[in-house]
Structures are given as structure tokens and as C-alpha cells.
Amino acid sequence: MAIERKIDGATLPESFQELVEDAAEQGQPVVIERSGEVLGVVISPQDFALLMARKRALADLGNTVGTLRGKFADLPEDEAIAEAERAVLETRAEMRSTRTTQRDSK
């Protein structure tokens, strides 16, 4: 994942500084357009952190799917589906057990 480009906000024109501050304070994205085409978006630091976290999670998920595809490449589709369904049921049972244990310990 590419590292974002950073600039010093003090070097921005005053009107743009106000837009950046508004986006940060109000959490409202500011869309920058030219001739109806979106050139960029200014978002709050919280929205940026959330976006980056989701982007990392999606990349991790893609890597996991790729790994699983490689491991199960020779497995017939019906067996793969049955195995996935078993795994889902086991995970749900574990989650229910964890919730029950947490509820009982309160």
C-alpha cells in the first residue's frame, strides 16, 4: 500500500485551510471538482483512519482468500462448500459459547 503524500497545512491558501478545518471539525467531506469531474476529497482524520483500516482489512482478506484458494485448489467444489459450511457452524458455535461465558461471568 502506498504511503500517503503529506503537506504542511500552513502552506495552503487560506480559503482551502478553512475547508480542511471544516472537514476535520464537522466530519463533512469536501469534494473538489473541476468542470464536474472529481479531482479529490478532503476528509476528517477519523474518516481517513477508518478508510485506511478498511483498506488494510480488505487487503488482508484478499490475501487470505488467495491462500485458501491455493490450499484447496485440488478439492472438488462440493467438498469445499461442505467444508466451508462446517467451518461456519463451528465458528458460530464458538462465538455463542464465548458470548454465554462472558454473560455468565458478569
N, C-alpha and C. Protein backbone atom coordinates (compact mmCIF):
# COMPACT_ATOMS: atom_id res chain seq x y z
N MET A 1 0.86 -1.17 0.00
CA MET A 1 0.00 0.00 0.00
C MET A 1 0.90 1.23 0.00
N ALA A 2 0.60 2.17 -0.87
CA ALA A 2 1.41 3.38 -0.99
C ALA A 2 1.22 4.29 0.22
N ILE A 3 2.29 4.94 0.62
CA ILE A 3 2.22 5.90 1.72
C ILE A 3 1.63 7.19 1.17
N GLU A 4 0.71 7.76 1.94
CA GLU A 4 0.07 8.99 1.50
C GLU A 4 1.07 10.14 1.44
N ARG A 5 0.79 11.06 0.59
CA ARG A 5 1.62 12.27 0.47
C ARG A 5 1.17 13.25 1.53
N LYS A 6 2.12 13.86 2.21
CA LYS A 6 1.79 14.81 3.27
C LYS A 6 2.29 16.20 2.89
N ILE A 7 1.48 17.21 3.27
CA ILE A 7 1.89 18.61 3.06
C ILE A 7 1.60 19.40 4.32
N ASP A 8 2.27 20.50 4.49
CA ASP A 8 2.06 21.37 5.64
C ASP A 8 0.83 22.23 5.37
N GLY A 9 -0.18 22.13 6.24
CA GLY A 9 -1.41 22.89 6.06
C GLY A 9 -1.19 24.40 6.03
N ALA A 10 -0.12 24.85 6.66
CA ALA A 10 0.16 26.29 6.68
C ALA A 10 0.53 26.82 5.30
N THR A 11 0.92 25.93 4.39
CA THR A 11 1.29 26.37 3.04
C THR A 11 0.09 26.48 2.11
N LEU A 12 -1.08 26.06 2.57
CA LEU A 12 -2.28 26.09 1.73
C LEU A 12 -2.87 27.50 1.72
N PRO A 13 -3.53 27.86 0.61
CA PRO A 13 -4.24 29.14 0.60
C PRO A 13 -5.25 29.17 1.75
N GLU A 14 -5.51 30.34 2.28
CA GLU A 14 -6.37 30.47 3.46
C GLU A 14 -7.76 29.87 3.24
N SER A 15 -8.34 30.06 2.06
CA SER A 15 -9.68 29.52 1.81
C SER A 15 -9.68 27.99 1.86
N PHE A 16 -8.59 27.39 1.40
CA PHE A 16 -8.50 25.94 1.43
C PHE A 16 -8.26 25.46 2.86
N GLN A 17 -7.50 26.21 3.62
CA GLN A 17 -7.28 25.86 5.03
C GLN A 17 -8.61 25.79 5.76
N GLU A 18 -9.51 26.73 5.45
CA GLU A 18 -10.82 26.75 6.08
C GLU A 18 -11.62 25.49 5.71
N LEU A 19 -11.54 25.07 4.45
CA LEU A 19 -12.24 23.86 4.04
C LEU A 19 -11.70 22.63 4.78
N VAL A 20 -10.38 22.57 4.91
CA VAL A 20 -9.75 21.45 5.61
C VAL A 20 -10.19 21.45 7.08
N GLU A 21 -10.19 22.61 7.70
CA GLU A 21 -10.62 22.71 9.10
C GLU A 21 -12.08 22.30 9.26
N ASP A 22 -12.92 22.74 8.32
CA ASP A 22 -14.34 22.36 8.37
C ASP A 22 -14.51 20.85 8.26
N ALA A 23 -13.78 20.24 7.34
CA ALA A 23 -13.86 18.79 7.16
C ALA A 23 -13.44 18.08 8.44
N ALA A 24 -12.37 18.57 9.06
CA ALA A 24 -11.87 17.95 10.29
C ALA A 24 -12.82 18.14 11.46
N GLU A 25 -13.35 19.35 11.61
CA GLU A 25 -14.18 19.66 12.76
C GLU A 25 -15.60 19.11 12.64
N GLN A 26 -16.17 19.18 11.44
CA GLN A 26 -17.56 18.80 11.25
C GLN A 26 -17.73 17.37 10.73
N GLY A 27 -16.63 16.77 10.29
CA GLY A 27 -16.71 15.41 9.77
C GLY A 27 -17.40 15.33 8.42
N GLN A 28 -17.55 16.47 7.75
CA GLN A 28 -18.19 16.50 6.44
C GLN A 28 -17.13 16.50 5.34
N PRO A 29 -17.14 15.52 4.46
CA PRO A 29 -16.17 15.51 3.36
C PRO A 29 -16.36 16.72 2.45
N VAL A 30 -15.26 17.21 1.90
CA VAL A 30 -15.29 18.30 0.93
C VAL A 30 -14.82 17.73 -0.40
N VAL A 31 -15.69 17.75 -1.41
CA VAL A 31 -15.36 17.22 -2.73
C VAL A 31 -14.82 18.36 -3.58
N ILE A 32 -13.66 18.15 -4.18
CA ILE A 32 -13.03 19.16 -5.03
C ILE A 32 -13.25 18.75 -6.47
N GLU A 33 -13.90 19.62 -7.24
CA GLU A 33 -14.25 19.32 -8.63
C GLU A 33 -13.70 20.38 -9.57
N ARG A 34 -13.51 19.96 -10.81
CA ARG A 34 -13.22 20.90 -11.89
C ARG A 34 -14.05 20.44 -13.09
N SER A 35 -14.88 21.32 -13.58
CA SER A 35 -15.75 21.01 -14.72
C SER A 35 -16.57 19.75 -14.48
N GLY A 36 -17.05 19.59 -13.25
CA GLY A 36 -17.90 18.45 -12.92
C GLY A 36 -17.15 17.16 -12.64
N GLU A 37 -15.83 17.15 -12.78
CA GLU A 37 -15.04 15.95 -12.54
C GLU A 37 -14.41 16.04 -11.14
N VAL A 38 -14.55 14.98 -10.37
CA VAL A 38 -13.98 14.95 -9.03
C VAL A 38 -12.47 14.81 -9.12
N LEU A 39 -11.76 15.77 -8.53
CA LEU A 39 -10.30 15.73 -8.52
C LEU A 39 -9.76 15.21 -7.19
N GLY A 40 -10.51 15.37 -6.13
CA GLY A 40 -10.06 14.93 -4.82
C GLY A 40 -11.14 15.14 -3.79
N VAL A 41 -10.85 14.66 -2.58
CA VAL A 41 -11.79 14.80 -1.48
C VAL A 41 -10.99 15.07 -0.21
N VAL A 42 -11.44 16.03 0.59
CA VAL A 42 -10.85 16.31 1.89
C VAL A 42 -11.77 15.67 2.92
N ILE A 43 -11.18 14.80 3.77
CA ILE A 43 -11.98 14.13 4.80
C ILE A 43 -11.33 14.35 6.17
N SER A 44 -12.10 14.06 7.20
CA SER A 44 -11.61 14.24 8.57
C SER A 44 -10.55 13.17 8.88
N PRO A 45 -9.72 13.44 9.87
CA PRO A 45 -8.74 12.42 10.28
C PRO A 45 -9.40 11.11 10.73
N GLN A 46 -10.56 11.21 11.36
CA GLN A 46 -11.26 10.00 11.79
C GLN A 46 -11.71 9.18 10.58
N ASP A 47 -12.27 9.86 9.57
CA ASP A 47 -12.70 9.15 8.36
C ASP A 47 -11.51 8.55 7.64
N PHE A 48 -10.38 9.26 7.63
CA PHE A 48 -9.18 8.76 6.98
C PHE A 48 -8.68 7.50 7.70
N ALA A 49 -8.66 7.52 9.02
CA ALA A 49 -8.22 6.35 9.79
C ALA A 49 -9.13 5.16 9.52
N LEU A 50 -10.44 5.40 9.47
CA LEU A 50 -11.40 4.34 9.19
C LEU A 50 -11.20 3.79 7.77
N LEU A 51 -11.01 4.67 6.82
CA LEU A 51 -10.78 4.26 5.44
C LEU A 51 -9.53 3.40 5.32
N MET A 52 -8.45 3.83 5.96
CA MET A 52 -7.19 3.07 5.89
C MET A 52 -7.33 1.72 6.58
N ALA A 53 -8.05 1.67 7.70
CA ALA A 53 -8.26 0.40 8.40
C ALA A 53 -9.05 -0.57 7.52
N ARG A 54 -10.08 -0.05 6.86
CA ARG A 54 -10.89 -0.90 5.98
C ARG A 54 -10.08 -1.36 4.77
N LYS A 55 -9.24 -0.48 4.26
CA LYS A 55 -8.40 -0.83 3.12
C LYS A 55 -7.43 -1.95 3.50
N ARG A 56 -6.83 -1.84 4.69
CA ARG A 56 -5.91 -2.89 5.16
C ARG A 56 -6.66 -4.20 5.38
N ALA A 57 -7.85 -4.12 5.98
CA ALA A 57 -8.64 -5.33 6.23
C ALA A 57 -9.03 -6.00 4.92
N LEU A 58 -9.39 -5.22 3.93
CA LEU A 58 -9.76 -5.77 2.64
C LEU A 58 -8.56 -6.44 1.97
N ALA A 59 -7.39 -5.81 2.08
CA ALA A 59 -6.17 -6.41 1.51
C ALA A 59 -5.84 -7.72 2.22
N ASP A 60 -5.99 -7.74 3.56
CA ASP A 60 -5.74 -8.96 4.32
C ASP A 60 -6.71 -10.06 3.91
N LEU A 61 -7.96 -9.70 3.72
CA LEU A 61 -8.97 -10.66 3.29
C LEU A 61 -8.62 -11.23 1.92
N GLY A 62 -8.20 -10.35 1.01
CA GLY A 62 -7.80 -10.82 -0.32
C GLY A 62 -6.63 -11.78 -0.25
N ASN A 63 -5.66 -11.49 0.61
CA ASN A 63 -4.52 -12.41 0.78
C ASN A 63 -4.97 -13.75 1.34
N THR A 64 -5.89 -13.71 2.31
CA THR A 64 -6.39 -14.94 2.91
C THR A 64 -7.14 -15.77 1.88
N VAL A 65 -7.98 -15.13 1.09
CA VAL A 65 -8.73 -15.85 0.05
C VAL A 65 -7.76 -16.49 -0.95
N GLY A 66 -6.73 -15.74 -1.34
CA GLY A 66 -5.74 -16.29 -2.27
C GLY A 66 -5.03 -17.49 -1.69
N THR A 67 -4.67 -17.42 -0.42
CA THR A 67 -4.01 -18.55 0.25
C THR A 67 -4.92 -19.76 0.30
N LEU A 68 -6.18 -19.52 0.67
CA LEU A 68 -7.13 -20.63 0.75
C LEU A 68 -7.38 -21.26 -0.60
N ARG A 69 -7.49 -20.43 -1.63
CA ARG A 69 -7.70 -20.98 -2.98
C ARG A 69 -6.54 -21.91 -3.36
N GLY A 70 -5.34 -21.49 -3.02
CA GLY A 70 -4.17 -22.32 -3.33
C GLY A 70 -4.19 -23.63 -2.57
N LYS A 71 -4.57 -23.59 -1.29
CA LYS A 71 -4.58 -24.80 -0.47
C LYS A 71 -5.67 -25.79 -0.89
N PHE A 72 -6.76 -25.26 -1.41
CA PHE A 72 -7.89 -26.12 -1.75
C PHE A 72 -8.12 -26.24 -3.25
N ALA A 73 -7.09 -25.95 -4.03
CA ALA A 73 -7.22 -25.96 -5.49
C ALA A 73 -7.64 -27.33 -6.02
N ASP A 74 -7.17 -28.41 -5.39
CA ASP A 74 -7.47 -29.76 -5.87
C ASP A 74 -8.74 -30.35 -5.26
N LEU A 75 -9.36 -29.63 -4.36
CA LEU A 75 -10.56 -30.12 -3.69
C LEU A 75 -11.78 -29.89 -4.57
N PRO A 76 -12.60 -30.92 -4.80
CA PRO A 76 -13.82 -30.73 -5.59
C PRO A 76 -14.72 -29.67 -4.95
N GLU A 77 -15.44 -28.94 -5.78
CA GLU A 77 -16.24 -27.81 -5.30
C GLU A 77 -17.24 -28.21 -4.23
N ASP A 78 -17.94 -29.33 -4.40
CA ASP A 78 -18.94 -29.72 -3.40
C ASP A 78 -18.30 -30.02 -2.05
N GLU A 79 -17.10 -30.60 -2.05
CA GLU A 79 -16.40 -30.85 -0.79
C GLU A 79 -15.93 -29.53 -0.16
N ALA A 80 -15.49 -28.59 -0.99
CA ALA A 80 -15.05 -27.29 -0.48
C ALA A 80 -16.22 -26.56 0.17
N ILE A 81 -17.38 -26.60 -0.47
CA ILE A 81 -18.58 -25.95 0.09
C ILE A 81 -18.97 -26.61 1.40
N ALA A 82 -18.95 -27.94 1.45
CA ALA A 82 -19.30 -28.64 2.69
C ALA A 82 -18.32 -28.29 3.81
N GLU A 83 -17.04 -28.21 3.48
CA GLU A 83 -16.03 -27.86 4.47
C GLU A 83 -16.24 -26.44 4.98
N ALA A 84 -16.55 -25.52 4.07
CA ALA A 84 -16.80 -24.13 4.46
C ALA A 84 -18.03 -24.04 5.36
N GLU A 85 -19.08 -24.78 5.04
CA GLU A 85 -20.29 -24.76 5.86
C GLU A 85 -20.00 -25.31 7.26
N ARG A 86 -19.18 -26.37 7.34
CA ARG A 86 -18.79 -26.92 8.64
C ARG A 86 -18.02 -25.88 9.45
N ALA A 87 -17.11 -25.20 8.80
CA ALA A 87 -16.30 -24.18 9.47
C ALA A 87 -17.18 -23.04 9.99
N VAL A 88 -18.17 -22.64 9.20
CA VAL A 88 -19.09 -21.57 9.63
C VAL A 88 -19.86 -22.01 10.86
N LEU A 89 -20.37 -23.24 10.85
CA LEU A 89 -21.13 -23.75 12.00
C LEU A 89 -20.25 -23.82 13.26
N GLU A 90 -19.00 -24.28 13.10
CA GLU A 90 -18.08 -24.34 14.24
C GLU A 90 -17.79 -22.95 14.79
N THR A 91 -17.57 -22.00 13.89
CA THR A 91 -17.27 -20.63 14.31
C THR A 91 -18.46 -20.02 15.04
N ARG A 92 -19.65 -20.24 14.51
CA ARG A 92 -20.85 -19.72 15.18
C ARG A 92 -21.01 -20.33 16.57
N ALA A 93 -20.77 -21.62 16.70
CA ALA A 93 -20.88 -22.29 17.99
C ALA A 93 -19.85 -21.71 18.97
N GLU A 94 -18.63 -21.48 18.51
CA GLU A 94 -17.60 -20.89 19.36
C GLU A 94 -18.00 -19.48 19.81
N MET A 95 -18.56 -18.70 18.88
CA MET A 95 -18.98 -17.34 19.21
C MET A 95 -20.10 -17.36 20.24
N ARG A 96 -21.07 -18.28 20.07
CA ARG A 96 -22.16 -18.39 21.04
C ARG A 96 -21.63 -18.77 22.42
N SER A 97 -20.70 -19.71 22.43
CA SER A 97 -20.10 -20.15 23.68
C SER A 97 -19.36 -19.01 24.37
N THR A 98 -18.63 -18.23 23.60
CA THR A 98 -17.89 -17.09 24.15
C THR A 98 -18.86 -16.07 24.73
N ARG A 99 -19.93 -15.77 23.98
CA ARG A 99 -20.92 -14.81 24.49
C ARG A 99 -21.58 -15.31 25.77
N THR A 100 -21.90 -16.61 25.81
CA THR A 100 -22.53 -17.19 27.00
C THR A 100 -21.58 -17.10 28.20
N THR A 101 -20.31 -17.43 27.96
CA THR A 101 -19.31 -17.37 29.03
C THR A 101 -19.15 -15.94 29.53
N GLN A 102 -19.09 -14.99 28.62
CA GLN A 102 -18.96 -13.59 29.01
C GLN A 102 -20.19 -13.13 29.80
N ARG A 103 -21.37 -13.53 29.35
CA ARG A 103 -22.61 -13.13 30.02
C ARG A 103 -22.68 -13.74 31.43
N ASP A 104 -22.26 -15.00 31.54
CA ASP A 104 -22.31 -15.68 32.84
C ASP A 104 -21.29 -15.12 33.81
N SER A 105 -20.19 -14.56 33.31
CA SER A 105 -19.15 -14.05 34.21
C SER A 105 -19.47 -12.65 34.72
N LYS A 106 -20.52 -12.03 34.24
CA LYS A 106 -20.88 -10.67 34.68
C LYS A 106 -21.69 -10.67 35.92
